[in-house]
């Protein structure tokens, strides 16, 4: 609609869900600390954190000390 991204850049078959990412992290020995979604407002040119993980999300993990 606002032409901020080129047409067709995403292959949705390659997307993973937050739950899949959490499982991958745990399987490699990482401890999941949390996650947050974020949105971008093109009019104000600002990002905002949100609880919604449907589109854009980020995670925090760490490797526990042995």
PDB file of N, CA and C in Angstrom:
ATOM      1  N   UNK A   1       0.814  -1.175   0.000  1.00  0.00           N
ATOM      2  CA  UNK A   1       0.000   0.000   0.000  1.00  0.00           C
ATOM      3  C   UNK A   1       0.872   1.259   0.000  1.00  0.00           C
ATOM      4  N   UNK A   2       1.854   1.323   0.898  1.00  0.00           N
ATOM      5  CA  UNK A   2       2.733   2.494   0.944  1.00  0.00           C
ATOM      6  C   UNK A   2       4.019   2.285   0.146  1.00  0.00           C
ATOM      7  N   UNK A   3       4.151   1.095  -0.433  1.00  0.00           N
ATOM      8  CA  UNK A   3       5.306   0.758  -1.272  1.00  0.00           C
ATOM      9  C   UNK A   3       6.638   0.922  -0.527  1.00  0.00           C
ATOM     10  N   UNK A   4       6.643   0.468   0.748  1.00  0.00           N
ATOM     11  CA  UNK A   4       7.872   0.523   1.545  1.00  0.00           C
ATOM     12  C   UNK A   4       8.756  -0.691   1.301  1.00  0.00           C
ATOM     13  N   UNK A   5       8.181  -1.787   0.825  1.00  0.00           N
ATOM     14  CA  UNK A   5       8.964  -2.982   0.515  1.00  0.00           C
ATOM     15  C   UNK A   5       8.655  -3.406  -0.912  1.00  0.00           C
ATOM     16  N   UNK A   6       9.599  -4.051  -1.567  1.00  0.00           N
ATOM     17  CA  UNK A   6       9.350  -4.507  -2.937  1.00  0.00           C
ATOM     18  C   UNK A   6       8.299  -5.615  -2.949  1.00  0.00           C
ATOM     19  N   UNK A   7       7.642  -5.794  -4.085  1.00  0.00           N
ATOM     20  CA  UNK A   7       6.648  -6.860  -4.223  1.00  0.00           C
ATOM     21  C   UNK A   7       7.321  -8.224  -4.199  1.00  0.00           C
ATOM     22  N   UNK A   8       6.701  -9.146  -3.449  1.00  0.00           N
ATOM     23  CA  UNK A   8       7.146 -10.537  -3.459  1.00  0.00           C
ATOM     24  C   UNK A   8       8.452 -10.851  -2.758  1.00  0.00           C
ATOM     25  N   UNK A   9       8.879 -10.131  -1.701  1.00  0.00           N
ATOM     26  CA  UNK A   9      10.167 -10.438  -1.094  1.00  0.00           C
ATOM     27  C   UNK A   9      10.129 -11.602  -0.119  1.00  0.00           C
ATOM     28  N   UNK A  10       8.929 -12.060   0.254  1.00  0.00           N
ATOM     29  CA  UNK A  10       8.826 -13.069   1.302  1.00  0.00           C
ATOM     30  C   UNK A  10       8.379 -14.420   0.754  1.00  0.00           C
ATOM     31  N   UNK A  11       9.013 -15.460   1.265  1.00  0.00           N
ATOM     32  CA  UNK A  11       8.572 -16.823   0.995  1.00  0.00           C
ATOM     33  C   UNK A  11       8.039 -17.346   2.320  1.00  0.00           C
ATOM     34  N   UNK A  12       6.718 -17.344   2.484  1.00  0.00           N
ATOM     35  CA  UNK A  12       6.120 -17.672   3.763  1.00  0.00           C
ATOM     36  C   UNK A  12       6.369 -19.111   4.186  1.00  0.00           C
ATOM     37  N   UNK A  13       6.788 -19.967   3.273  1.00  0.00           N
ATOM     38  CA  UNK A  13       7.157 -21.342   3.652  1.00  0.00           C
ATOM     39  C   UNK A  13       8.425 -21.366   4.492  1.00  0.00           C
ATOM     40  N   UNK A  14       9.229 -20.296   4.437  1.00  0.00           N
ATOM     41  CA  UNK A  14      10.487 -20.240   5.191  1.00  0.00           C
ATOM     42  C   UNK A  14      10.327 -19.562   6.545  1.00  0.00           C
ATOM     43  N   UNK A  15       9.153 -19.018   6.828  1.00  0.00           N
ATOM     44  CA  UNK A  15       8.923 -18.359   8.116  1.00  0.00           C
ATOM     45  C   UNK A  15       8.789 -19.407   9.205  1.00  0.00           C
ATOM     46  N   UNK A  16       9.253 -19.070  10.415  1.00  0.00           N
ATOM     47  CA  UNK A  16       9.059 -19.952  11.561  1.00  0.00           C
ATOM     48  C   UNK A  16       8.254 -19.191  12.614  1.00  0.00           C
ATOM     49  N   UNK A  17       7.520 -19.936  13.404  1.00  0.00           N
ATOM     50  CA  UNK A  17       6.693 -19.313  14.436  1.00  0.00           C
ATOM     51  C   UNK A  17       7.547 -19.049  15.678  1.00  0.00           C
ATOM     52  N   UNK A  18       7.109 -18.165  16.553  1.00  0.00           N
ATOM     53  CA  UNK A  18       7.833 -17.956  17.811  1.00  0.00           C
ATOM     54  C   UNK A  18       7.985 -19.255  18.609  1.00  0.00           C
ATOM     55  N   UNK A  19       6.975 -20.119  18.573  1.00  0.00           N
ATOM     56  CA  UNK A  19       7.065 -21.396  19.293  1.00  0.00           C
ATOM     57  C   UNK A  19       8.159 -22.289  18.693  1.00  0.00           C
ATOM     58  N   UNK A  20       8.267 -22.308  17.368  1.00  0.00           N
ATOM     59  CA  UNK A  20       9.328 -23.091  16.727  1.00  0.00           C
ATOM     60  C   UNK A  20      10.696 -22.530  17.088  1.00  0.00           C
ATOM     61  N   UNK A  21      10.818 -21.219  17.127  1.00  0.00           N
ATOM     62  CA  UNK A  21      12.088 -20.593  17.481  1.00  0.00           C
ATOM     63  C   UNK A  21      12.456 -20.898  18.930  1.00  0.00           C
ATOM     64  N   UNK A  22      11.484 -20.872  19.824  1.00  0.00           N
ATOM     65  CA  UNK A  22      11.731 -21.204  21.235  1.00  0.00           C
ATOM     66  C   UNK A  22      12.235 -22.637  21.355  1.00  0.00           C
ATOM     67  N   UNK A  23      11.621 -23.570  20.633  1.00  0.00           N
ATOM     68  CA  UNK A  23      12.056 -24.967  20.666  1.00  0.00           C
ATOM     69  C   UNK A  23      13.480 -25.111  20.135  1.00  0.00           C
ATOM     70  N   UNK A  24      13.798 -24.425  19.034  1.00  0.00           N
ATOM     71  CA  UNK A  24      15.153 -24.478  18.481  1.00  0.00           C
ATOM     72  C   UNK A  24      16.177 -23.954  19.482  1.00  0.00           C
ATOM     73  N   UNK A  25      15.839 -22.865  20.163  1.00  0.00           N
ATOM     74  CA  UNK A  25      16.744 -22.301  21.167  1.00  0.00           C
ATOM     75  C   UNK A  25      16.978 -23.287  22.308  1.00  0.00           C
ATOM     76  N   UNK A  26      15.892 -23.863  22.826  1.00  0.00           N
ATOM     77  CA  UNK A  26      16.026 -24.831  23.926  1.00  0.00           C
ATOM     78  C   UNK A  26      16.843 -26.041  23.492  1.00  0.00           C
ATOM     79  N   UNK A  27      16.640 -26.507  22.256  1.00  0.00           N
ATOM     80  CA  UNK A  27      17.369 -27.678  21.756  1.00  0.00           C
ATOM     81  C   UNK A  27      18.867 -27.422  21.633  1.00  0.00           C
ATOM     82  N   UNK A  28      19.285 -26.167  21.544  1.00  0.00           N
ATOM     83  CA  UNK A  28      20.712 -25.854  21.456  1.00  0.00           C
ATOM     84  C   UNK A  28      21.290 -25.412  22.802  1.00  0.00           C
ATOM     85  N   UNK A  29      20.489 -25.539  23.881  1.00  0.00           N
ATOM     86  CA  UNK A  29      20.986 -25.223  25.205  1.00  0.00           C
ATOM     87  C   UNK A  29      20.800 -23.778  25.638  1.00  0.00           C
ATOM     88  N   UNK A  30      20.057 -23.004  24.869  1.00  0.00           N
ATOM     89  CA  UNK A  30      19.814 -21.619  25.250  1.00  0.00           C
ATOM     90  C   UNK A  30      18.585 -21.525  26.148  1.00  0.00           C
ATOM     91  N   UNK A  31      18.614 -20.582  27.057  1.00  0.00           N
ATOM     92  CA  UNK A  31      17.464 -20.327  27.914  1.00  0.00           C
ATOM     93  C   UNK A  31      16.697 -19.141  27.346  1.00  0.00           C
ATOM     94  N   UNK A  32      15.418 -19.327  27.106  1.00  0.00           N
ATOM     95  CA  UNK A  32      14.533 -18.299  26.552  1.00  0.00           C
ATOM     96  C   UNK A  32      14.253 -17.274  27.631  1.00  0.00           C
ATOM     97  N   UNK A  33      14.590 -16.021  27.402  1.00  0.00           N
ATOM     98  CA  UNK A  33      14.343 -14.957  28.371  1.00  0.00           C
ATOM     99  C   UNK A  33      13.057 -14.201  28.087  1.00  0.00           C
ATOM    100  N   UNK A  34      12.703 -14.071  26.826  1.00  0.00           N
ATOM    101  CA  UNK A  34      11.478 -13.365  26.499  1.00  0.00           C
ATOM    102  C   UNK A  34      11.400 -13.024  25.031  1.00  0.00           C
ATOM    103  N   UNK A  35      10.251 -12.507  24.664  1.00  0.00           N
ATOM    104  CA  UNK A  35      10.035 -12.105  23.279  1.00  0.00           C
ATOM    105  C   UNK A  35       9.136 -10.883  23.252  1.00  0.00           C
ATOM    106  N   UNK A  36       9.192 -10.183  22.150  1.00  0.00           N
ATOM    107  CA  UNK A  36       8.362  -8.999  21.976  1.00  0.00           C
ATOM    108  C   UNK A  36       8.109  -8.809  20.487  1.00  0.00           C
ATOM    109  N   UNK A  37       6.946  -8.306  20.179  1.00  0.00           N
ATOM    110  CA  UNK A  37       6.659  -7.932  18.810  1.00  0.00           C
ATOM    111  C   UNK A  37       6.995  -6.462  18.624  1.00  0.00           C
ATOM    112  N   UNK A  38       7.038  -6.033  17.388  1.00  0.00           N
ATOM    113  CA  UNK A  38       7.235  -4.609  17.140  1.00  0.00           C
ATOM    114  C   UNK A  38       6.525  -4.212  15.851  1.00  0.00           C
ATOM    115  N   UNK A  39       6.126  -2.969  15.811  1.00  0.00           N
ATOM    116  CA  UNK A  39       5.463  -2.417  14.639  1.00  0.00           C
ATOM    117  C   UNK A  39       6.194  -1.148  14.215  1.00  0.00           C
ATOM    118  N   UNK A  40       6.010  -0.789  12.971  1.00  0.00           N
ATOM    119  CA  UNK A  40       6.623   0.417  12.426  1.00  0.00           C
ATOM    120  C   UNK A  40       5.516   1.334  11.939  1.00  0.00           C
ATOM    121  N   UNK A  41       5.616   2.596  12.318  1.00  0.00           N
ATOM    122  CA  UNK A  41       4.680   3.600  11.840  1.00  0.00           C
ATOM    123  C   UNK A  41       5.403   4.427  10.774  1.00  0.00           C
ATOM    124  N   UNK A  42       5.027   4.256   9.501  1.00  0.00           N
ATOM    125  CA  UNK A  42       5.742   4.963   8.431  1.00  0.00           C
ATOM    126  C   UNK A  42       5.522   6.475   8.449  1.00  0.00           C
ATOM    127  N   UNK A  43       4.468   6.924   9.094  1.00  0.00           N
ATOM    128  CA  UNK A  43       4.203   8.362   9.129  1.00  0.00           C
ATOM    129  C   UNK A  43       5.097   9.067  10.150  1.00  0.00           C
ATOM    130  N   UNK A  44       5.271   8.449  11.314  1.00  0.00           N
ATOM    131  CA  UNK A  44       6.152   9.036  12.331  1.00  0.00           C
ATOM    132  C   UNK A  44       7.580   8.514  12.205  1.00  0.00           C
ATOM    133  N   UNK A  45       7.757   7.455  11.382  1.00  0.00           N
ATOM    134  CA  UNK A  45       9.061   6.793  11.195  1.00  0.00           C
ATOM    135  C   UNK A  45       9.617   6.286  12.520  1.00  0.00           C
ATOM    136  N   UNK A  46       8.739   5.667  13.322  1.00  0.00           N
ATOM    137  CA  UNK A  46       9.133   5.144  14.627  1.00  0.00           C
ATOM    138  C   UNK A  46       8.649   3.707  14.784  1.00  0.00           C
ATOM    139  N   UNK A  47       9.440   2.940  15.521  1.00  0.00           N
ATOM    140  CA  UNK A  47       9.075   1.575  15.882  1.00  0.00           C
ATOM    141  C   UNK A  47       8.498   1.586  17.287  1.00  0.00           C
ATOM    142  N   UNK A  48       7.589   0.642  17.546  1.00  0.00           N
ATOM    143  CA  UNK A  48       6.993   0.513  18.866  1.00  0.00           C
ATOM    144  C   UNK A  48       6.926  -0.960  19.240  1.00  0.00           C
ATOM    145  N   UNK A  49       7.211  -1.262  20.502  1.00  0.00           N
ATOM    146  CA  UNK A  49       7.086  -2.628  20.986  1.00  0.00           C
ATOM    147  C   UNK A  49       5.618  -2.960  21.211  1.00  0.00           C
ATOM    148  N   UNK A  50       5.283  -4.232  21.003  1.00  0.00           N
ATOM    149  CA  UNK A  50       3.917  -4.703  21.175  1.00  0.00           C
ATOM    150  C   UNK A  50       3.947  -6.143  21.673  1.00  0.00           C
ATOM    151  N   UNK A  51       2.842  -6.605  22.208  1.00  0.00           N
ATOM    152  CA  UNK A  51       2.730  -8.002  22.641  1.00  0.00           C
ATOM    153  C   UNK A  51       2.429  -8.936  21.469  1.00  0.00           C
ATOM    154  N   UNK A  52       2.050  -8.394  20.342  1.00  0.00           N
ATOM    155  CA  UNK A  52       1.667  -9.187  19.173  1.00  0.00           C
ATOM    156  C   UNK A  52       2.918  -9.712  18.457  1.00  0.00           C
ATOM    157  N   UNK A  53       3.008 -11.038  18.325  1.00  0.00           N
ATOM    158  CA  UNK A  53       4.151 -11.668  17.658  1.00  0.00           C
ATOM    159  C   UNK A  53       3.806 -12.136  16.245  1.00  0.00           C
ATOM    160  N   UNK A  54       2.670 -11.701  15.715  1.00  0.00           N
ATOM    161  CA  UNK A  54       2.173 -12.216  14.435  1.00  0.00           C
ATOM    162  C   UNK A  54       3.041 -11.870  13.234  1.00  0.00           C
ATOM    163  N   UNK A  55       3.643 -10.690  13.203  1.00  0.00           N
ATOM    164  CA  UNK A  55       4.369 -10.269  12.002  1.00  0.00           C
ATOM    165  C   UNK A  55       5.852 -10.079  12.283  1.00  0.00           C
ATOM    166  N   UNK A  56       6.195  -9.131  13.115  1.00  0.00           N
ATOM    167  CA  UNK A  56       7.598  -8.845  13.433  1.00  0.00           C
ATOM    168  C   UNK A  56       7.841  -9.155  14.900  1.00  0.00           C
ATOM    169  N   UNK A  57       8.888  -9.898  15.160  1.00  0.00           N
ATOM    170  CA  UNK A  57       9.181 -10.218  16.553  1.00  0.00           C
ATOM    171  C   UNK A  57      10.678 -10.337  16.770  1.00  0.00           C
ATOM    172  N   UNK A  58      11.054 -10.247  18.029  1.00  0.00           N
ATOM    173  CA  UNK A  58      12.453 -10.429  18.423  1.00  0.00           C
ATOM    174  C   UNK A  58      12.471 -11.215  19.721  1.00  0.00           C
ATOM    175  N   UNK A  59      13.582 -11.858  19.974  1.00  0.00           N
ATOM    176  CA  UNK A  59      13.701 -12.694  21.160  1.00  0.00           C
ATOM    177  C   UNK A  59      14.978 -12.358  21.917  1.00  0.00           C
ATOM    178  N   UNK A  60      14.995 -12.789  23.170  1.00  0.00           N
ATOM    179  CA  UNK A  60      16.211 -12.696  23.980  1.00  0.00           C
ATOM    180  C   UNK A  60      16.448 -14.060  24.600  1.00  0.00           C
ATOM    181  N   UNK A  61      17.644 -14.563  24.433  1.00  0.00           N
ATOM    182  CA  UNK A  61      18.052 -15.855  25.008  1.00  0.00           C
ATOM    183  C   UNK A  61      19.455 -15.685  25.597  1.00  0.00           C
ATOM    184  N   UNK A  62      19.833 -16.640  26.445  1.00  0.00           N
ATOM    185  CA  UNK A  62      21.226 -16.668  26.895  1.00  0.00           C
ATOM    186  C   UNK A  62      21.597 -18.111  27.192  1.00  0.00           C
ATOM    187  N   UNK A  63      22.879 -18.360  27.206  1.00  0.00           N
ATOM    188  CA  UNK A  63      23.381 -19.679  27.543  1.00  0.00           C
ATOM    189  C   UNK A  63      23.690 -19.687  29.037  1.00  0.00           C
ATOM    190  N   UNK A  64      22.974 -20.512  29.807  1.00  0.00           N
ATOM    191  CA  UNK A  64      23.209 -20.559  31.256  1.00  0.00           C
ATOM    192  C   UNK A  64      24.655 -20.989  31.559  1.00  0.00           C
ATOM    193  N   UNK A  65      25.190 -20.465  32.650  1.00  0.00           N
ATOM    194  CA  UNK A  65      26.531 -20.834  33.078  1.00  0.00           C
ATOM    195  C   UNK A  65      26.530 -22.286  33.554  1.00  0.00           C
ATOM    196  N   UNK A  66      27.549 -22.998  33.185  1.00  0.00           N
ATOM    197  CA  UNK A  66      27.634 -24.419  33.566  1.00  0.00           C
ATOM    198  C   UNK A  66      28.164 -24.582  34.960  1.00  0.00           C
TER     199      UNK A  66
END
